[in-house]
mmCIF file of all heavy atoms, coordinates in Angstrom:
data_MODEL
# 
_entry.id   MODEL 
# 
loop_
_atom_site.group_PDB 
_atom_site.id 
_atom_site.type_symbol 
_atom_site.label_atom_id 
_atom_site.label_alt_id 
_atom_site.label_comp_id 
_atom_site.label_asym_id 
_atom_site.label_entity_id 
_atom_site.label_seq_id 
_atom_site.pdbx_PDB_ins_code 
_atom_site.Cartn_x 
_atom_site.Cartn_y 
_atom_site.Cartn_z 
_atom_site.occupancy 
_atom_site.B_iso_or_equiv 
_atom_site.pdbx_formal_charge 
_atom_site.auth_seq_id 
_atom_site.auth_comp_id 
_atom_site.auth_asym_id 
_atom_site.auth_atom_id 
_atom_site.pdbx_PDB_model_num 
ATOM 1   N N   . PRO A 1 1  ? 55.386 -43.704 -54.873 1.00 0.00 ? 1  PRO A N   1 
ATOM 2   C CA  . PRO A 1 1  ? 55.063 -45.119 -54.919 1.00 0.00 ? 1  PRO A CA  1 
ATOM 3   C C   . PRO A 1 1  ? 54.015 -45.424 -55.990 1.00 0.00 ? 1  PRO A C   1 
ATOM 4   O O   . PRO A 1 1  ? 53.135 -44.602 -56.252 1.00 0.00 ? 1  PRO A O   1 
ATOM 5   C CB  . PRO A 1 1  ? 54.501 -45.398 -53.522 1.00 0.00 ? 1  PRO A CB  1 
ATOM 6   C CG  . PRO A 1 1  ? 53.878 -44.091 -53.120 1.00 0.00 ? 1  PRO A CG  1 
ATOM 7   C CD  . PRO A 1 1  ? 54.746 -43.023 -53.734 1.00 0.00 ? 1  PRO A CD  1 
ATOM 8   N N   . THR A 1 2  ? 54.115 -46.604 -56.591 1.00 0.00 ? 2  THR A N   1 
ATOM 9   C CA  . THR A 1 2  ? 53.170 -47.002 -57.636 1.00 0.00 ? 2  THR A CA  1 
ATOM 10  C C   . THR A 1 2  ? 52.022 -47.849 -57.102 1.00 0.00 ? 2  THR A C   1 
ATOM 11  O O   . THR A 1 2  ? 51.167 -48.283 -57.867 1.00 0.00 ? 2  THR A O   1 
ATOM 12  C CB  . THR A 1 2  ? 53.890 -47.786 -58.739 1.00 0.00 ? 2  THR A CB  1 
ATOM 13  O OG1 . THR A 1 2  ? 54.585 -48.897 -58.139 1.00 0.00 ? 2  THR A OG1 1 
ATOM 14  C CG2 . THR A 1 2  ? 54.874 -46.907 -59.477 1.00 0.00 ? 2  THR A CG2 1 
ATOM 15  N N   . SER A 1 3  ? 51.984 -48.085 -55.804 1.00 0.00 ? 3  SER A N   1 
ATOM 16  C CA  . SER A 1 3  ? 50.900 -48.869 -55.211 1.00 0.00 ? 3  SER A CA  1 
ATOM 17  C C   . SER A 1 3  ? 50.834 -48.601 -53.717 1.00 0.00 ? 3  SER A C   1 
ATOM 18  O O   . SER A 1 3  ? 51.788 -48.094 -53.122 1.00 0.00 ? 3  SER A O   1 
ATOM 19  C CB  . SER A 1 3  ? 51.113 -50.363 -55.451 1.00 0.00 ? 3  SER A CB  1 
ATOM 20  O OG  . SER A 1 3  ? 52.274 -50.813 -54.768 1.00 0.00 ? 3  SER A OG  1 
ATOM 21  N N   . ARG A 1 4  ? 49.706 -48.953 -53.126 1.00 0.00 ? 4  ARG A N   1 
ATOM 22  C CA  . ARG A 1 4  ? 49.588 -48.843 -51.674 1.00 0.00 ? 4  ARG A CA  1 
ATOM 23  C C   . ARG A 1 4  ? 50.587 -49.763 -50.988 1.00 0.00 ? 4  ARG A C   1 
ATOM 24  O O   . ARG A 1 4  ? 51.161 -49.424 -49.950 1.00 0.00 ? 4  ARG A O   1 
ATOM 25  C CB  . ARG A 1 4  ? 48.159 -49.203 -51.252 1.00 0.00 ? 4  ARG A CB  1 
ATOM 26  C CG  . ARG A 1 4  ? 47.110 -48.209 -51.710 1.00 0.00 ? 4  ARG A CG  1 
ATOM 27  C CD  . ARG A 1 4  ? 45.715 -48.711 -51.440 1.00 0.00 ? 4  ARG A CD  1 
ATOM 28  N NE  . ARG A 1 4  ? 44.706 -47.810 -52.014 1.00 0.00 ? 4  ARG A NE  1 
ATOM 29  C CZ  . ARG A 1 4  ? 43.452 -48.150 -52.219 1.00 0.00 ? 4  ARG A CZ  1 
ATOM 30  N NH1 . ARG A 1 4  ? 43.032 -49.368 -51.890 1.00 0.00 ? 4  ARG A NH1 1 
ATOM 31  N NH2 . ARG A 1 4  ? 42.590 -47.276 -52.743 1.00 0.00 ? 4  ARG A NH2 1 
ATOM 32  N N   . GLU A 1 5  ? 50.782 -50.931 -51.580 1.00 0.00 ? 5  GLU A N   1 
ATOM 33  C CA  . GLU A 1 5  ? 51.755 -51.888 -51.031 1.00 0.00 ? 5  GLU A CA  1 
ATOM 34  C C   . GLU A 1 5  ? 53.145 -51.273 -50.938 1.00 0.00 ? 5  GLU A C   1 
ATOM 35  O O   . GLU A 1 5  ? 53.833 -51.360 -49.915 1.00 0.00 ? 5  GLU A O   1 
ATOM 36  C CB  . GLU A 1 5  ? 51.782 -53.144 -51.903 1.00 0.00 ? 5  GLU A CB  1 
ATOM 37  C CG  . GLU A 1 5  ? 52.840 -54.154 -51.559 1.00 0.00 ? 5  GLU A CG  1 
ATOM 38  C CD  . GLU A 1 5  ? 52.940 -55.256 -52.592 1.00 0.00 ? 5  GLU A CD  1 
ATOM 39  O OE1 . GLU A 1 5  ? 51.946 -55.525 -53.300 1.00 0.00 ? 5  GLU A OE1 1 
ATOM 40  O OE2 . GLU A 1 5  ? 54.027 -55.858 -52.699 1.00 0.00 ? 5  GLU A OE2 1 
ATOM 41  N N   . THR A 1 6  ? 53.558 -50.617 -52.023 1.00 0.00 ? 6  THR A N   1 
ATOM 42  C CA  . THR A 1 6  ? 54.871 -49.975 -52.033 1.00 0.00 ? 6  THR A CA  1 
ATOM 43  C C   . THR A 1 6  ? 54.919 -48.800 -51.065 1.00 0.00 ? 6  THR A C   1 
ATOM 44  O O   . THR A 1 6  ? 55.928 -48.595 -50.377 1.00 0.00 ? 6  THR A O   1 
ATOM 45  C CB  . THR A 1 6  ? 55.224 -49.506 -53.451 1.00 0.00 ? 6  THR A CB  1 
ATOM 46  O OG1 . THR A 1 6  ? 55.372 -50.660 -54.297 1.00 0.00 ? 6  THR A OG1 1 
ATOM 47  C CG2 . THR A 1 6  ? 56.509 -48.713 -53.487 1.00 0.00 ? 6  THR A CG2 1 
ATOM 48  N N   . ALA A 1 7  ? 53.839 -48.037 -50.986 1.00 0.00 ? 7  ALA A N   1 
ATOM 49  C CA  . ALA A 1 7  ? 53.798 -46.902 -50.067 1.00 0.00 ? 7  ALA A CA  1 
ATOM 50  C C   . ALA A 1 7  ? 53.952 -47.373 -48.620 1.00 0.00 ? 7  ALA A C   1 
ATOM 51  O O   . ALA A 1 7  ? 54.650 -46.737 -47.815 1.00 0.00 ? 7  ALA A O   1 
ATOM 52  C CB  . ALA A 1 7  ? 52.500 -46.129 -50.241 1.00 0.00 ? 7  ALA A CB  1 
ATOM 53  N N   . GLU A 1 8  ? 53.313 -48.484 -48.284 1.00 0.00 ? 8  GLU A N   1 
ATOM 54  C CA  . GLU A 1 8  ? 53.414 -49.025 -46.924 1.00 0.00 ? 8  GLU A CA  1 
ATOM 55  C C   . GLU A 1 8  ? 54.838 -49.458 -46.611 1.00 0.00 ? 8  GLU A C   1 
ATOM 56  O O   . GLU A 1 8  ? 55.371 -49.158 -45.536 1.00 0.00 ? 8  GLU A O   1 
ATOM 57  C CB  . GLU A 1 8  ? 52.441 -50.197 -46.750 1.00 0.00 ? 8  GLU A CB  1 
ATOM 58  C CG  . GLU A 1 8  ? 50.976 -49.765 -46.740 1.00 0.00 ? 8  GLU A CG  1 
ATOM 59  C CD  . GLU A 1 8  ? 50.026 -50.952 -46.698 1.00 0.00 ? 8  GLU A CD  1 
ATOM 60  O OE1 . GLU A 1 8  ? 50.531 -52.109 -46.612 1.00 0.00 ? 8  GLU A OE1 1 
ATOM 61  O OE2 . GLU A 1 8  ? 48.806 -50.734 -46.761 1.00 0.00 ? 8  GLU A OE2 1 
ATOM 62  N N   . LEU A 1 9  ? 55.470 -50.161 -47.565 1.00 0.00 ? 9  LEU A N   1 
ATOM 63  C CA  . LEU A 1 9  ? 56.846 -50.604 -47.335 1.00 0.00 ? 9  LEU A CA  1 
ATOM 64  C C   . LEU A 1 9  ? 57.782 -49.412 -47.250 1.00 0.00 ? 9  LEU A C   1 
ATOM 65  O O   . LEU A 1 9  ? 58.685 -49.373 -46.400 1.00 0.00 ? 9  LEU A O   1 
ATOM 66  C CB  . LEU A 1 9  ? 57.286 -51.552 -48.450 1.00 0.00 ? 9  LEU A CB  1 
ATOM 67  C CG  . LEU A 1 9  ? 58.709 -52.113 -48.345 1.00 0.00 ? 9  LEU A CG  1 
ATOM 68  C CD1 . LEU A 1 9  ? 58.946 -52.794 -47.005 1.00 0.00 ? 9  LEU A CD1 1 
ATOM 69  C CD2 . LEU A 1 9  ? 59.000 -53.070 -49.497 1.00 0.00 ? 9  LEU A CD2 1 
ATOM 70  N N   . ALA A 1 10 ? 57.580 -48.412 -48.098 1.00 0.00 ? 10 ALA A N   1 
ATOM 71  C CA  . ALA A 1 10 ? 58.420 -47.216 -48.051 1.00 0.00 ? 10 ALA A CA  1 
ATOM 72  C C   . ALA A 1 10 ? 58.282 -46.517 -46.702 1.00 0.00 ? 10 ALA A C   1 
ATOM 73  O O   . ALA A 1 10 ? 59.274 -46.020 -46.145 1.00 0.00 ? 10 ALA A O   1 
ATOM 74  C CB  . ALA A 1 10 ? 58.042 -46.263 -49.183 1.00 0.00 ? 10 ALA A CB  1 
ATOM 75  N N   . GLY A 1 11 ? 57.074 -46.496 -46.168 1.00 0.00 ? 11 GLY A N   1 
ATOM 76  C CA  . GLY A 1 11 ? 56.885 -45.895 -44.857 1.00 0.00 ? 11 GLY A CA  1 
ATOM 77  C C   . GLY A 1 11 ? 57.641 -46.633 -43.782 1.00 0.00 ? 11 GLY A C   1 
ATOM 78  O O   . GLY A 1 11 ? 58.270 -46.022 -42.907 1.00 0.00 ? 11 GLY A O   1 
ATOM 79  N N   . GLN A 1 12 ? 57.616 -47.964 -43.843 1.00 0.00 ? 12 GLN A N   1 
ATOM 80  C CA  . GLN A 1 12 ? 58.337 -48.779 -42.860 1.00 0.00 ? 12 GLN A CA  1 
ATOM 81  C C   . GLN A 1 12 ? 59.837 -48.541 -42.954 1.00 0.00 ? 12 GLN A C   1 
ATOM 82  O O   . GLN A 1 12 ? 60.547 -48.579 -41.936 1.00 0.00 ? 12 GLN A O   1 
ATOM 83  C CB  . GLN A 1 12 ? 58.022 -50.263 -43.080 1.00 0.00 ? 12 GLN A CB  1 
ATOM 84  C CG  . GLN A 1 12 ? 56.580 -50.642 -42.827 1.00 0.00 ? 12 GLN A CG  1 
ATOM 85  C CD  . GLN A 1 12 ? 56.259 -52.043 -43.311 1.00 0.00 ? 12 GLN A CD  1 
ATOM 86  O OE1 . GLN A 1 12 ? 57.155 -52.841 -43.585 1.00 0.00 ? 12 GLN A OE1 1 
ATOM 87  N NE2 . GLN A 1 12 ? 54.974 -52.360 -43.429 1.00 0.00 ? 12 GLN A NE2 1 
ATOM 88  N N   . LEU A 1 13 ? 60.311 -48.272 -44.177 1.00 0.00 ? 13 LEU A N   1 
ATOM 89  C CA  . LEU A 1 13 ? 61.751 -48.078 -44.394 1.00 0.00 ? 13 LEU A CA  1 
ATOM 90  C C   . LEU A 1 13 ? 62.163 -46.618 -44.270 1.00 0.00 ? 13 LEU A C   1 
ATOM 91  O O   . LEU A 1 13 ? 63.328 -46.291 -44.492 1.00 0.00 ? 13 LEU A O   1 
ATOM 92  C CB  . LEU A 1 13 ? 62.124 -48.606 -45.787 1.00 0.00 ? 13 LEU A CB  1 
ATOM 93  C CG  . LEU A 1 13 ? 61.901 -50.100 -46.012 1.00 0.00 ? 13 LEU A CG  1 
ATOM 94  C CD1 . LEU A 1 13 ? 62.104 -50.456 -47.479 1.00 0.00 ? 13 LEU A CD1 1 
ATOM 95  C CD2 . LEU A 1 13 ? 62.821 -50.933 -45.131 1.00 0.00 ? 13 LEU A CD2 1 
ATOM 96  N N   . GLN A 1 14 ? 61.202 -45.763 -43.930 1.00 0.00 ? 14 GLN A N   1 
ATOM 97  C CA  . GLN A 1 14 ? 61.462 -44.322 -43.758 1.00 0.00 ? 14 GLN A CA  1 
ATOM 98  C C   . GLN A 1 14 ? 61.999 -43.678 -45.037 1.00 0.00 ? 14 GLN A C   1 
ATOM 99  O O   . GLN A 1 14 ? 62.890 -42.826 -44.994 1.00 0.00 ? 14 GLN A O   1 
ATOM 100 C CB  . GLN A 1 14 ? 62.395 -44.086 -42.562 1.00 0.00 ? 14 GLN A CB  1 
ATOM 101 C CG  . GLN A 1 14 ? 61.833 -44.593 -41.244 1.00 0.00 ? 14 GLN A CG  1 
ATOM 102 C CD  . GLN A 1 14 ? 62.722 -44.307 -40.041 1.00 0.00 ? 14 GLN A CD  1 
ATOM 103 O OE1 . GLN A 1 14 ? 63.851 -43.843 -40.186 1.00 0.00 ? 14 GLN A OE1 1 
ATOM 104 N NE2 . GLN A 1 14 ? 62.209 -44.573 -38.855 1.00 0.00 ? 14 GLN A NE2 1 
ATOM 105 N N   . ILE A 1 15 ? 61.420 -44.093 -46.163 1.00 0.00 ? 15 ILE A N   1 
ATOM 106 C CA  . ILE A 1 15 ? 61.728 -43.454 -47.443 1.00 0.00 ? 15 ILE A CA  1 
ATOM 107 C C   . ILE A 1 15 ? 60.748 -42.302 -47.628 1.00 0.00 ? 15 ILE A C   1 
ATOM 108 O O   . ILE A 1 15 ? 59.535 -42.526 -47.691 1.00 0.00 ? 15 ILE A O   1 
ATOM 109 C CB  . ILE A 1 15 ? 61.603 -44.450 -48.619 1.00 0.00 ? 15 ILE A CB  1 
ATOM 110 C CG1 . ILE A 1 15 ? 62.575 -45.625 -48.440 1.00 0.00 ? 15 ILE A CG1 1 
ATOM 111 C CG2 . ILE A 1 15 ? 61.842 -43.756 -49.949 1.00 0.00 ? 15 ILE A CG2 1 
ATOM 112 C CD1 . ILE A 1 15 ? 62.386 -46.744 -49.454 1.00 0.00 ? 15 ILE A CD1 1 
ATOM 113 N N   . PRO A 1 16 ? 61.201 -41.056 -47.684 1.00 0.00 ? 16 PRO A N   1 
ATOM 114 C CA  . PRO A 1 16 ? 60.283 -39.917 -47.824 1.00 0.00 ? 16 PRO A CA  1 
ATOM 115 C C   . PRO A 1 16 ? 59.523 -39.996 -49.154 1.00 0.00 ? 16 PRO A C   1 
ATOM 116 O O   . PRO A 1 16 ? 60.096 -40.320 -50.198 1.00 0.00 ? 16 PRO A O   1 
ATOM 117 C CB  . PRO A 1 16 ? 61.214 -38.706 -47.799 1.00 0.00 ? 16 PRO A CB  1 
ATOM 118 C CG  . PRO A 1 16 ? 62.492 -39.191 -47.209 1.00 0.00 ? 16 PRO A CG  1 
ATOM 119 C CD  . PRO A 1 16 ? 62.612 -40.617 -47.586 1.00 0.00 ? 16 PRO A CD  1 
ATOM 120 N N   . LEU A 1 17 ? 58.221 -39.689 -49.106 1.00 0.00 ? 17 LEU A N   1 
ATOM 121 C CA  . LEU A 1 17 ? 57.373 -39.781 -50.280 1.00 0.00 ? 17 LEU A CA  1 
ATOM 122 C C   . LEU A 1 17 ? 56.814 -38.414 -50.666 1.00 0.00 ? 17 LEU A C   1 
ATOM 123 O O   . LEU A 1 17 ? 56.491 -37.592 -49.805 1.00 0.00 ? 17 LEU A O   1 
ATOM 124 C CB  . LEU A 1 17 ? 56.213 -40.747 -50.028 1.00 0.00 ? 17 LEU A CB  1 
ATOM 125 C CG  . LEU A 1 17 ? 56.590 -42.192 -49.703 1.00 0.00 ? 17 LEU A CG  1 
ATOM 126 C CD1 . LEU A 1 17 ? 55.326 -43.014 -49.465 1.00 0.00 ? 17 LEU A CD1 1 
ATOM 127 C CD2 . LEU A 1 17 ? 57.428 -42.811 -50.812 1.00 0.00 ? 17 LEU A CD2 1 
ATOM 128 N N   . LEU A 1 18 ? 56.676 -38.206 -51.971 1.00 0.00 ? 18 LEU A N   1 
ATOM 129 C CA  . LEU A 1 18 ? 56.020 -37.013 -52.489 1.00 0.00 ? 18 LEU A CA  1 
ATOM 130 C C   . LEU A 1 18 ? 54.506 -37.228 -52.483 1.00 0.00 ? 18 LEU A C   1 
ATOM 131 O O   . LEU A 1 18 ? 54.037 -38.377 -52.516 1.00 0.00 ? 18 LEU A O   1 
ATOM 132 C CB  . LEU A 1 18 ? 56.496 -36.733 -53.912 1.00 0.00 ? 18 LEU A CB  1 
ATOM 133 C CG  . LEU A 1 18 ? 57.977 -36.401 -54.096 1.00 0.00 ? 18 LEU A CG  1 
ATOM 134 C CD1 . LEU A 1 18 ? 58.318 -36.284 -55.576 1.00 0.00 ? 18 LEU A CD1 1 
ATOM 135 C CD2 . LEU A 1 18 ? 58.326 -35.105 -53.367 1.00 0.00 ? 18 LEU A CD2 1 
ATOM 136 N N   . PRO A 1 19 ? 53.705 -36.163 -52.477 1.00 0.00 ? 19 PRO A N   1 
ATOM 137 C CA  . PRO A 1 19 ? 52.239 -36.305 -52.519 1.00 0.00 ? 19 PRO A CA  1 
ATOM 138 C C   . PRO A 1 19 ? 51.801 -37.047 -53.786 1.00 0.00 ? 19 PRO A C   1 
ATOM 139 O O   . PRO A 1 19 ? 52.316 -36.788 -54.881 1.00 0.00 ? 19 PRO A O   1 
ATOM 140 C CB  . PRO A 1 19 ? 51.742 -34.862 -52.522 1.00 0.00 ? 19 PRO A CB  1 
ATOM 141 C CG  . PRO A 1 19 ? 52.861 -34.064 -51.939 1.00 0.00 ? 19 PRO A CG  1 
ATOM 142 C CD  . PRO A 1 19 ? 54.118 -34.746 -52.359 1.00 0.00 ? 19 PRO A CD  1 
ATOM 143 N N   . GLU A 1 20 ? 50.832 -37.956 -53.648 1.00 0.00 ? 20 GLU A N   1 
ATOM 144 C CA  . GLU A 1 20 ? 50.368 -38.731 -54.793 1.00 0.00 ? 20 GLU A CA  1 
ATOM 145 C C   . GLU A 1 20 ? 49.781 -37.835 -55.884 1.00 0.00 ? 20 GLU A C   1 
ATOM 146 O O   . GLU A 1 20 ? 49.856 -38.160 -57.070 1.00 0.00 ? 20 GLU A O   1 
ATOM 147 C CB  . GLU A 1 20 ? 49.318 -39.757 -54.356 1.00 0.00 ? 20 GLU A CB  1 
ATOM 148 C CG  . GLU A 1 20 ? 49.879 -40.910 -53.559 1.00 0.00 ? 20 GLU A CG  1 
ATOM 149 C CD  . GLU A 1 20 ? 48.838 -41.985 -53.303 1.00 0.00 ? 20 GLU A CD  1 
ATOM 150 O OE1 . GLU A 1 20 ? 47.686 -41.825 -53.757 1.00 0.00 ? 20 GLU A OE1 1 
ATOM 151 O OE2 . GLU A 1 20 ? 49.182 -42.993 -52.660 1.00 0.00 ? 20 GLU A OE2 1 
ATOM 152 N N   . GLU A 1 21 ? 49.170 -36.734 -55.501 1.00 0.00 ? 21 GLU A N   1 
ATOM 153 C CA  . GLU A 1 21 ? 48.537 -35.859 -56.469 1.00 0.00 ? 21 GLU A CA  1 
ATOM 154 C C   . GLU A 1 21 ? 49.445 -34.704 -56.883 1.00 0.00 ? 21 GLU A C   1 
ATOM 155 O O   . GLU A 1 21 ? 48.976 -33.694 -57.414 1.00 0.00 ? 21 GLU A O   1 
ATOM 156 C CB  . GLU A 1 21 ? 47.214 -35.332 -55.912 1.00 0.00 ? 21 GLU A CB  1 
ATOM 157 C CG  . GLU A 1 21 ? 46.207 -36.451 -55.645 1.00 0.00 ? 21 GLU A CG  1 
ATOM 158 C CD  . GLU A 1 21 ? 44.864 -35.943 -55.160 1.00 0.00 ? 21 GLU A CD  1 
ATOM 159 O OE1 . GLU A 1 21 ? 44.666 -34.716 -55.121 1.00 0.00 ? 21 GLU A OE1 1 
ATOM 160 O OE2 . GLU A 1 21 ? 44.020 -36.778 -54.817 1.00 0.00 ? 21 GLU A OE2 1 
ATOM 161 N N   . GLY A 1 22 ? 50.726 -34.841 -56.636 1.00 0.00 ? 22 GLY A N   1 
ATOM 162 C CA  . GLY A 1 22 ? 51.673 -33.803 -57.005 1.00 0.00 ? 22 GLY A CA  1 
ATOM 163 C C   . GLY A 1 22 ? 52.000 -33.821 -58.488 1.00 0.00 ? 22 GLY A C   1 
ATOM 164 O O   . GLY A 1 22 ? 51.668 -34.752 -59.215 1.00 0.00 ? 22 GLY A O   1 
ATOM 165 N N   . GLU A 1 23 ? 52.648 -32.767 -58.925 1.00 0.00 ? 23 GLU A N   1 
ATOM 166 C CA  . GLU A 1 23 ? 53.138 -32.690 -60.306 1.00 0.00 ? 23 GLU A CA  1 
ATOM 167 C C   . GLU A 1 23 ? 54.632 -32.979 -60.269 1.00 0.00 ? 23 GLU A C   1 
ATOM 168 O O   . GLU A 1 23 ? 55.441 -32.123 -59.969 1.00 0.00 ? 23 GLU A O   1 
ATOM 169 C CB  . GLU A 1 23 ? 52.870 -31.305 -60.881 1.00 0.00 ? 23 GLU A CB  1 
ATOM 170 C CG  . GLU A 1 23 ? 53.251 -31.171 -62.352 1.00 0.00 ? 23 GLU A CG  1 
ATOM 171 C CD  . GLU A 1 23 ? 52.900 -29.809 -62.926 1.00 0.00 ? 23 GLU A CD  1 
ATOM 172 O OE1 . GLU A 1 23 ? 52.126 -29.078 -62.277 1.00 0.00 ? 23 GLU A OE1 1 
ATOM 173 O OE2 . GLU A 1 23 ? 53.401 -29.471 -64.008 1.00 0.00 ? 23 GLU A OE2 1 
ATOM 174 N N   . TRP A 1 24 ? 54.990 -34.245 -60.571 1.00 0.00 ? 24 TRP A N   1 
ATOM 175 C CA  . TRP A 1 24 ? 56.379 -34.659 -60.392 1.00 0.00 ? 24 TRP A CA  1 
ATOM 176 C C   . TRP A 1 24 ? 57.160 -34.553 -61.700 1.00 0.00 ? 24 TRP A C   1 
ATOM 177 O O   . TRP A 1 24 ? 56.612 -34.739 -62.771 1.00 0.00 ? 24 TRP A O   1 
ATOM 178 C CB  . TRP A 1 24 ? 56.474 -36.124 -59.924 1.00 0.00 ? 24 TRP A CB  1 
ATOM 179 C CG  . TRP A 1 24 ? 55.329 -36.616 -59.124 1.00 0.00 ? 24 TRP A CG  1 
ATOM 180 C CD1 . TRP A 1 24 ? 54.977 -36.240 -57.856 1.00 0.00 ? 24 TRP A CD1 1 
ATOM 181 C CD2 . TRP A 1 24 ? 54.383 -37.618 -59.511 1.00 0.00 ? 24 TRP A CD2 1 
ATOM 182 N NE1 . TRP A 1 24 ? 53.878 -36.929 -57.443 1.00 0.00 ? 24 TRP A NE1 1 
ATOM 183 C CE2 . TRP A 1 24 ? 53.487 -37.785 -58.429 1.00 0.00 ? 24 TRP A CE2 1 
ATOM 184 C CE3 . TRP A 1 24 ? 54.206 -38.395 -60.644 1.00 0.00 ? 24 TRP A CE3 1 
ATOM 185 C CZ2 . TRP A 1 24 ? 52.436 -38.693 -58.460 1.00 0.00 ? 24 TRP A CZ2 1 
ATOM 186 C CZ3 . TRP A 1 24 ? 53.158 -39.284 -60.695 1.00 0.00 ? 24 TRP A CZ3 1 
ATOM 187 C CH2 . TRP A 1 24 ? 52.287 -39.429 -59.611 1.00 0.00 ? 24 TRP A CH2 1 
ATOM 188 N N   . GLU A 1 25 ? 58.444 -34.294 -61.541 1.00 0.00 ? 25 GLU A N   1 
ATOM 189 C CA  . GLU A 1 25 ? 59.412 -34.472 -62.617 1.00 0.00 ? 25 GLU A CA  1 
ATOM 190 C C   . GLU A 1 25 ? 60.485 -35.384 -62.056 1.00 0.00 ? 25 GLU A C   1 
ATOM 191 O O   . GLU A 1 25 ? 61.411 -34.942 -61.392 1.00 0.00 ? 25 GLU A O   1 
ATOM 192 C CB  . GLU A 1 25 ? 59.985 -33.128 -63.074 1.00 0.00 ? 25 GLU A CB  1 
ATOM 193 C CG  . GLU A 1 25 ? 58.972 -32.234 -63.766 1.00 0.00 ? 25 GLU A CG  1 
ATOM 194 C CD  . GLU A 1 25 ? 59.587 -30.955 -64.291 1.00 0.00 ? 25 GLU A CD  1 
ATOM 195 O OE1 . GLU A 1 25 ? 60.829 -30.845 -64.242 1.00 0.00 ? 25 GLU A OE1 1 
ATOM 196 O OE2 . GLU A 1 25 ? 58.828 -30.085 -64.745 1.00 0.00 ? 25 GLU A OE2 1 
ATOM 197 N N   . LEU A 1 26 ? 60.333 -36.674 -62.288 1.00 0.00 ? 26 LEU A N   1 
ATOM 198 C CA  . LEU A 1 26 ? 61.168 -37.670 -61.646 1.00 0.00 ? 26 LEU A CA  1 
ATOM 199 C C   . LEU A 1 26 ? 62.480 -37.853 -62.402 1.00 0.00 ? 26 LEU A C   1 
ATOM 200 O O   . LEU A 1 26 ? 62.515 -37.842 -63.639 1.00 0.00 ? 26 LEU A O   1 
ATOM 201 C CB  . LEU A 1 26 ? 60.428 -39.005 -61.564 1.00 0.00 ? 26 LEU A CB  1 
ATOM 202 C CG  . LEU A 1 26 ? 59.069 -38.974 -60.869 1.00 0.00 ? 26 LEU A CG  1 
ATOM 203 C CD1 . LEU A 1 26 ? 58.433 -40.355 -60.882 1.00 0.00 ? 26 LEU A CD1 1 
ATOM 204 C CD2 . LEU A 1 26 ? 59.197 -38.464 -59.431 1.00 0.00 ? 26 LEU A CD2 1 
ATOM 205 N N   . ASP A 1 27 ? 63.541 -38.035 -61.641 1.00 0.00 ? 27 ASP A N   1 
ATOM 206 C CA  . ASP A 1 27 ? 64.839 -38.309 -62.266 1.00 0.00 ? 27 ASP A CA  1 
ATOM 207 C C   . ASP A 1 27 ? 64.888 -39.726 -62.817 1.00 0.00 ? 27 ASP A C   1 
ATOM 208 O O   . ASP A 1 27 ? 65.441 -39.968 -63.893 1.00 0.00 ? 27 ASP A O   1 
ATOM 209 C CB  . ASP A 1 27 ? 65.956 -38.115 -61.231 1.00 0.00 ? 27 ASP A CB  1 
ATOM 210 C CG  . ASP A 1 27 ? 66.020 -36.687 -60.746 1.00 0.00 ? 27 ASP A CG  1 
ATOM 211 O OD1 . ASP A 1 27 ? 66.371 -35.799 -61.555 1.00 0.00 ? 27 ASP A OD1 1 
ATOM 212 O OD2 . ASP A 1 27 ? 65.708 -36.434 -59.565 1.00 0.00 ? 27 ASP A OD2 1 
ATOM 213 N N   . VAL A 1 28 ? 64.313 -40.657 -62.085 1.00 0.00 ? 28 VAL A N   1 
ATOM 214 C CA  . VAL A 1 28 ? 64.384 -42.057 -62.474 1.00 0.00 ? 28 VAL A CA  1 
ATOM 215 C C   . VAL A 1 28 ? 63.227 -42.810 -61.839 1.00 0.00 ? 28 VAL A C   1 
ATOM 216 O O   . VAL A 1 28 ? 62.746 -42.433 -60.756 1.00 0.00 ? 28 VAL A O   1 
ATOM 217 C CB  . VAL A 1 28 ? 65.742 -42.672 -62.030 1.00 0.00 ? 28 VAL A CB  1 
ATOM 218 C CG1 . VAL A 1 28 ? 65.900 -42.617 -60.528 1.00 0.00 ? 28 VAL A CG1 1 
ATOM 219 C CG2 . VAL A 1 28 ? 65.910 -44.097 -62.534 1.00 0.00 ? 28 VAL A CG2 1 
ATOM 220 N N   . ALA A 1 29 ? 62.743 -43.831 -62.511 1.00 0.00 ? 29 ALA A N   1 
ATOM 221 C CA  . ALA A 1 29 ? 61.778 -44.764 -61.939 1.00 0.00 ? 29 ALA A CA  1 
ATOM 222 C C   . ALA A 1 29 ? 62.382 -46.152 -62.023 1.00 0.00 ? 29 ALA A C   1 
ATOM 223 O O   . ALA A 1 29 ? 63.036 -46.503 -63.007 1.00 0.00 ? 29 ALA A O   1 
ATOM 224 C CB  . ALA A 1 29 ? 60.445 -44.721 -62.689 1.00 0.00 ? 29 ALA A CB  1 
ATOM 225 N N   . VAL A 1 30 ? 62.170 -46.935 -60.963 1.00 0.00 ? 30 VAL A N   1 
ATOM 226 C CA  . VAL A 1 30 ? 62.719 -48.286 -60.893 1.00 0.00 ? 30 VAL A CA  1 
ATOM 227 C C   . VAL A 1 30 ? 61.561 -49.248 -60.682 1.00 0.00 ? 30 VAL A C   1 
ATOM 228 O O   . VAL A 1 30 ? 60.768 -49.098 -59.747 1.00 0.00 ? 30 VAL A O   1 
ATOM 229 C CB  . VAL A 1 30 ? 63.734 -48.421 -59.737 1.00 0.00 ? 30 VAL A CB  1 
ATOM 230 C CG1 . VAL A 1 30 ? 64.276 -49.841 -59.670 1.00 0.00 ? 30 VAL A CG1 1 
ATOM 231 C CG2 . VAL A 1 30 ? 64.869 -47.425 -59.903 1.00 0.00 ? 30 VAL A CG2 1 
# 
């Protein structure tokens, strides 16, 4: 998530999240 707001909504929608301090290689960003 790019914000706390998005993280909260993702949690409500049960979208699994990666750790904020992780080293990501993302396929796509929307």
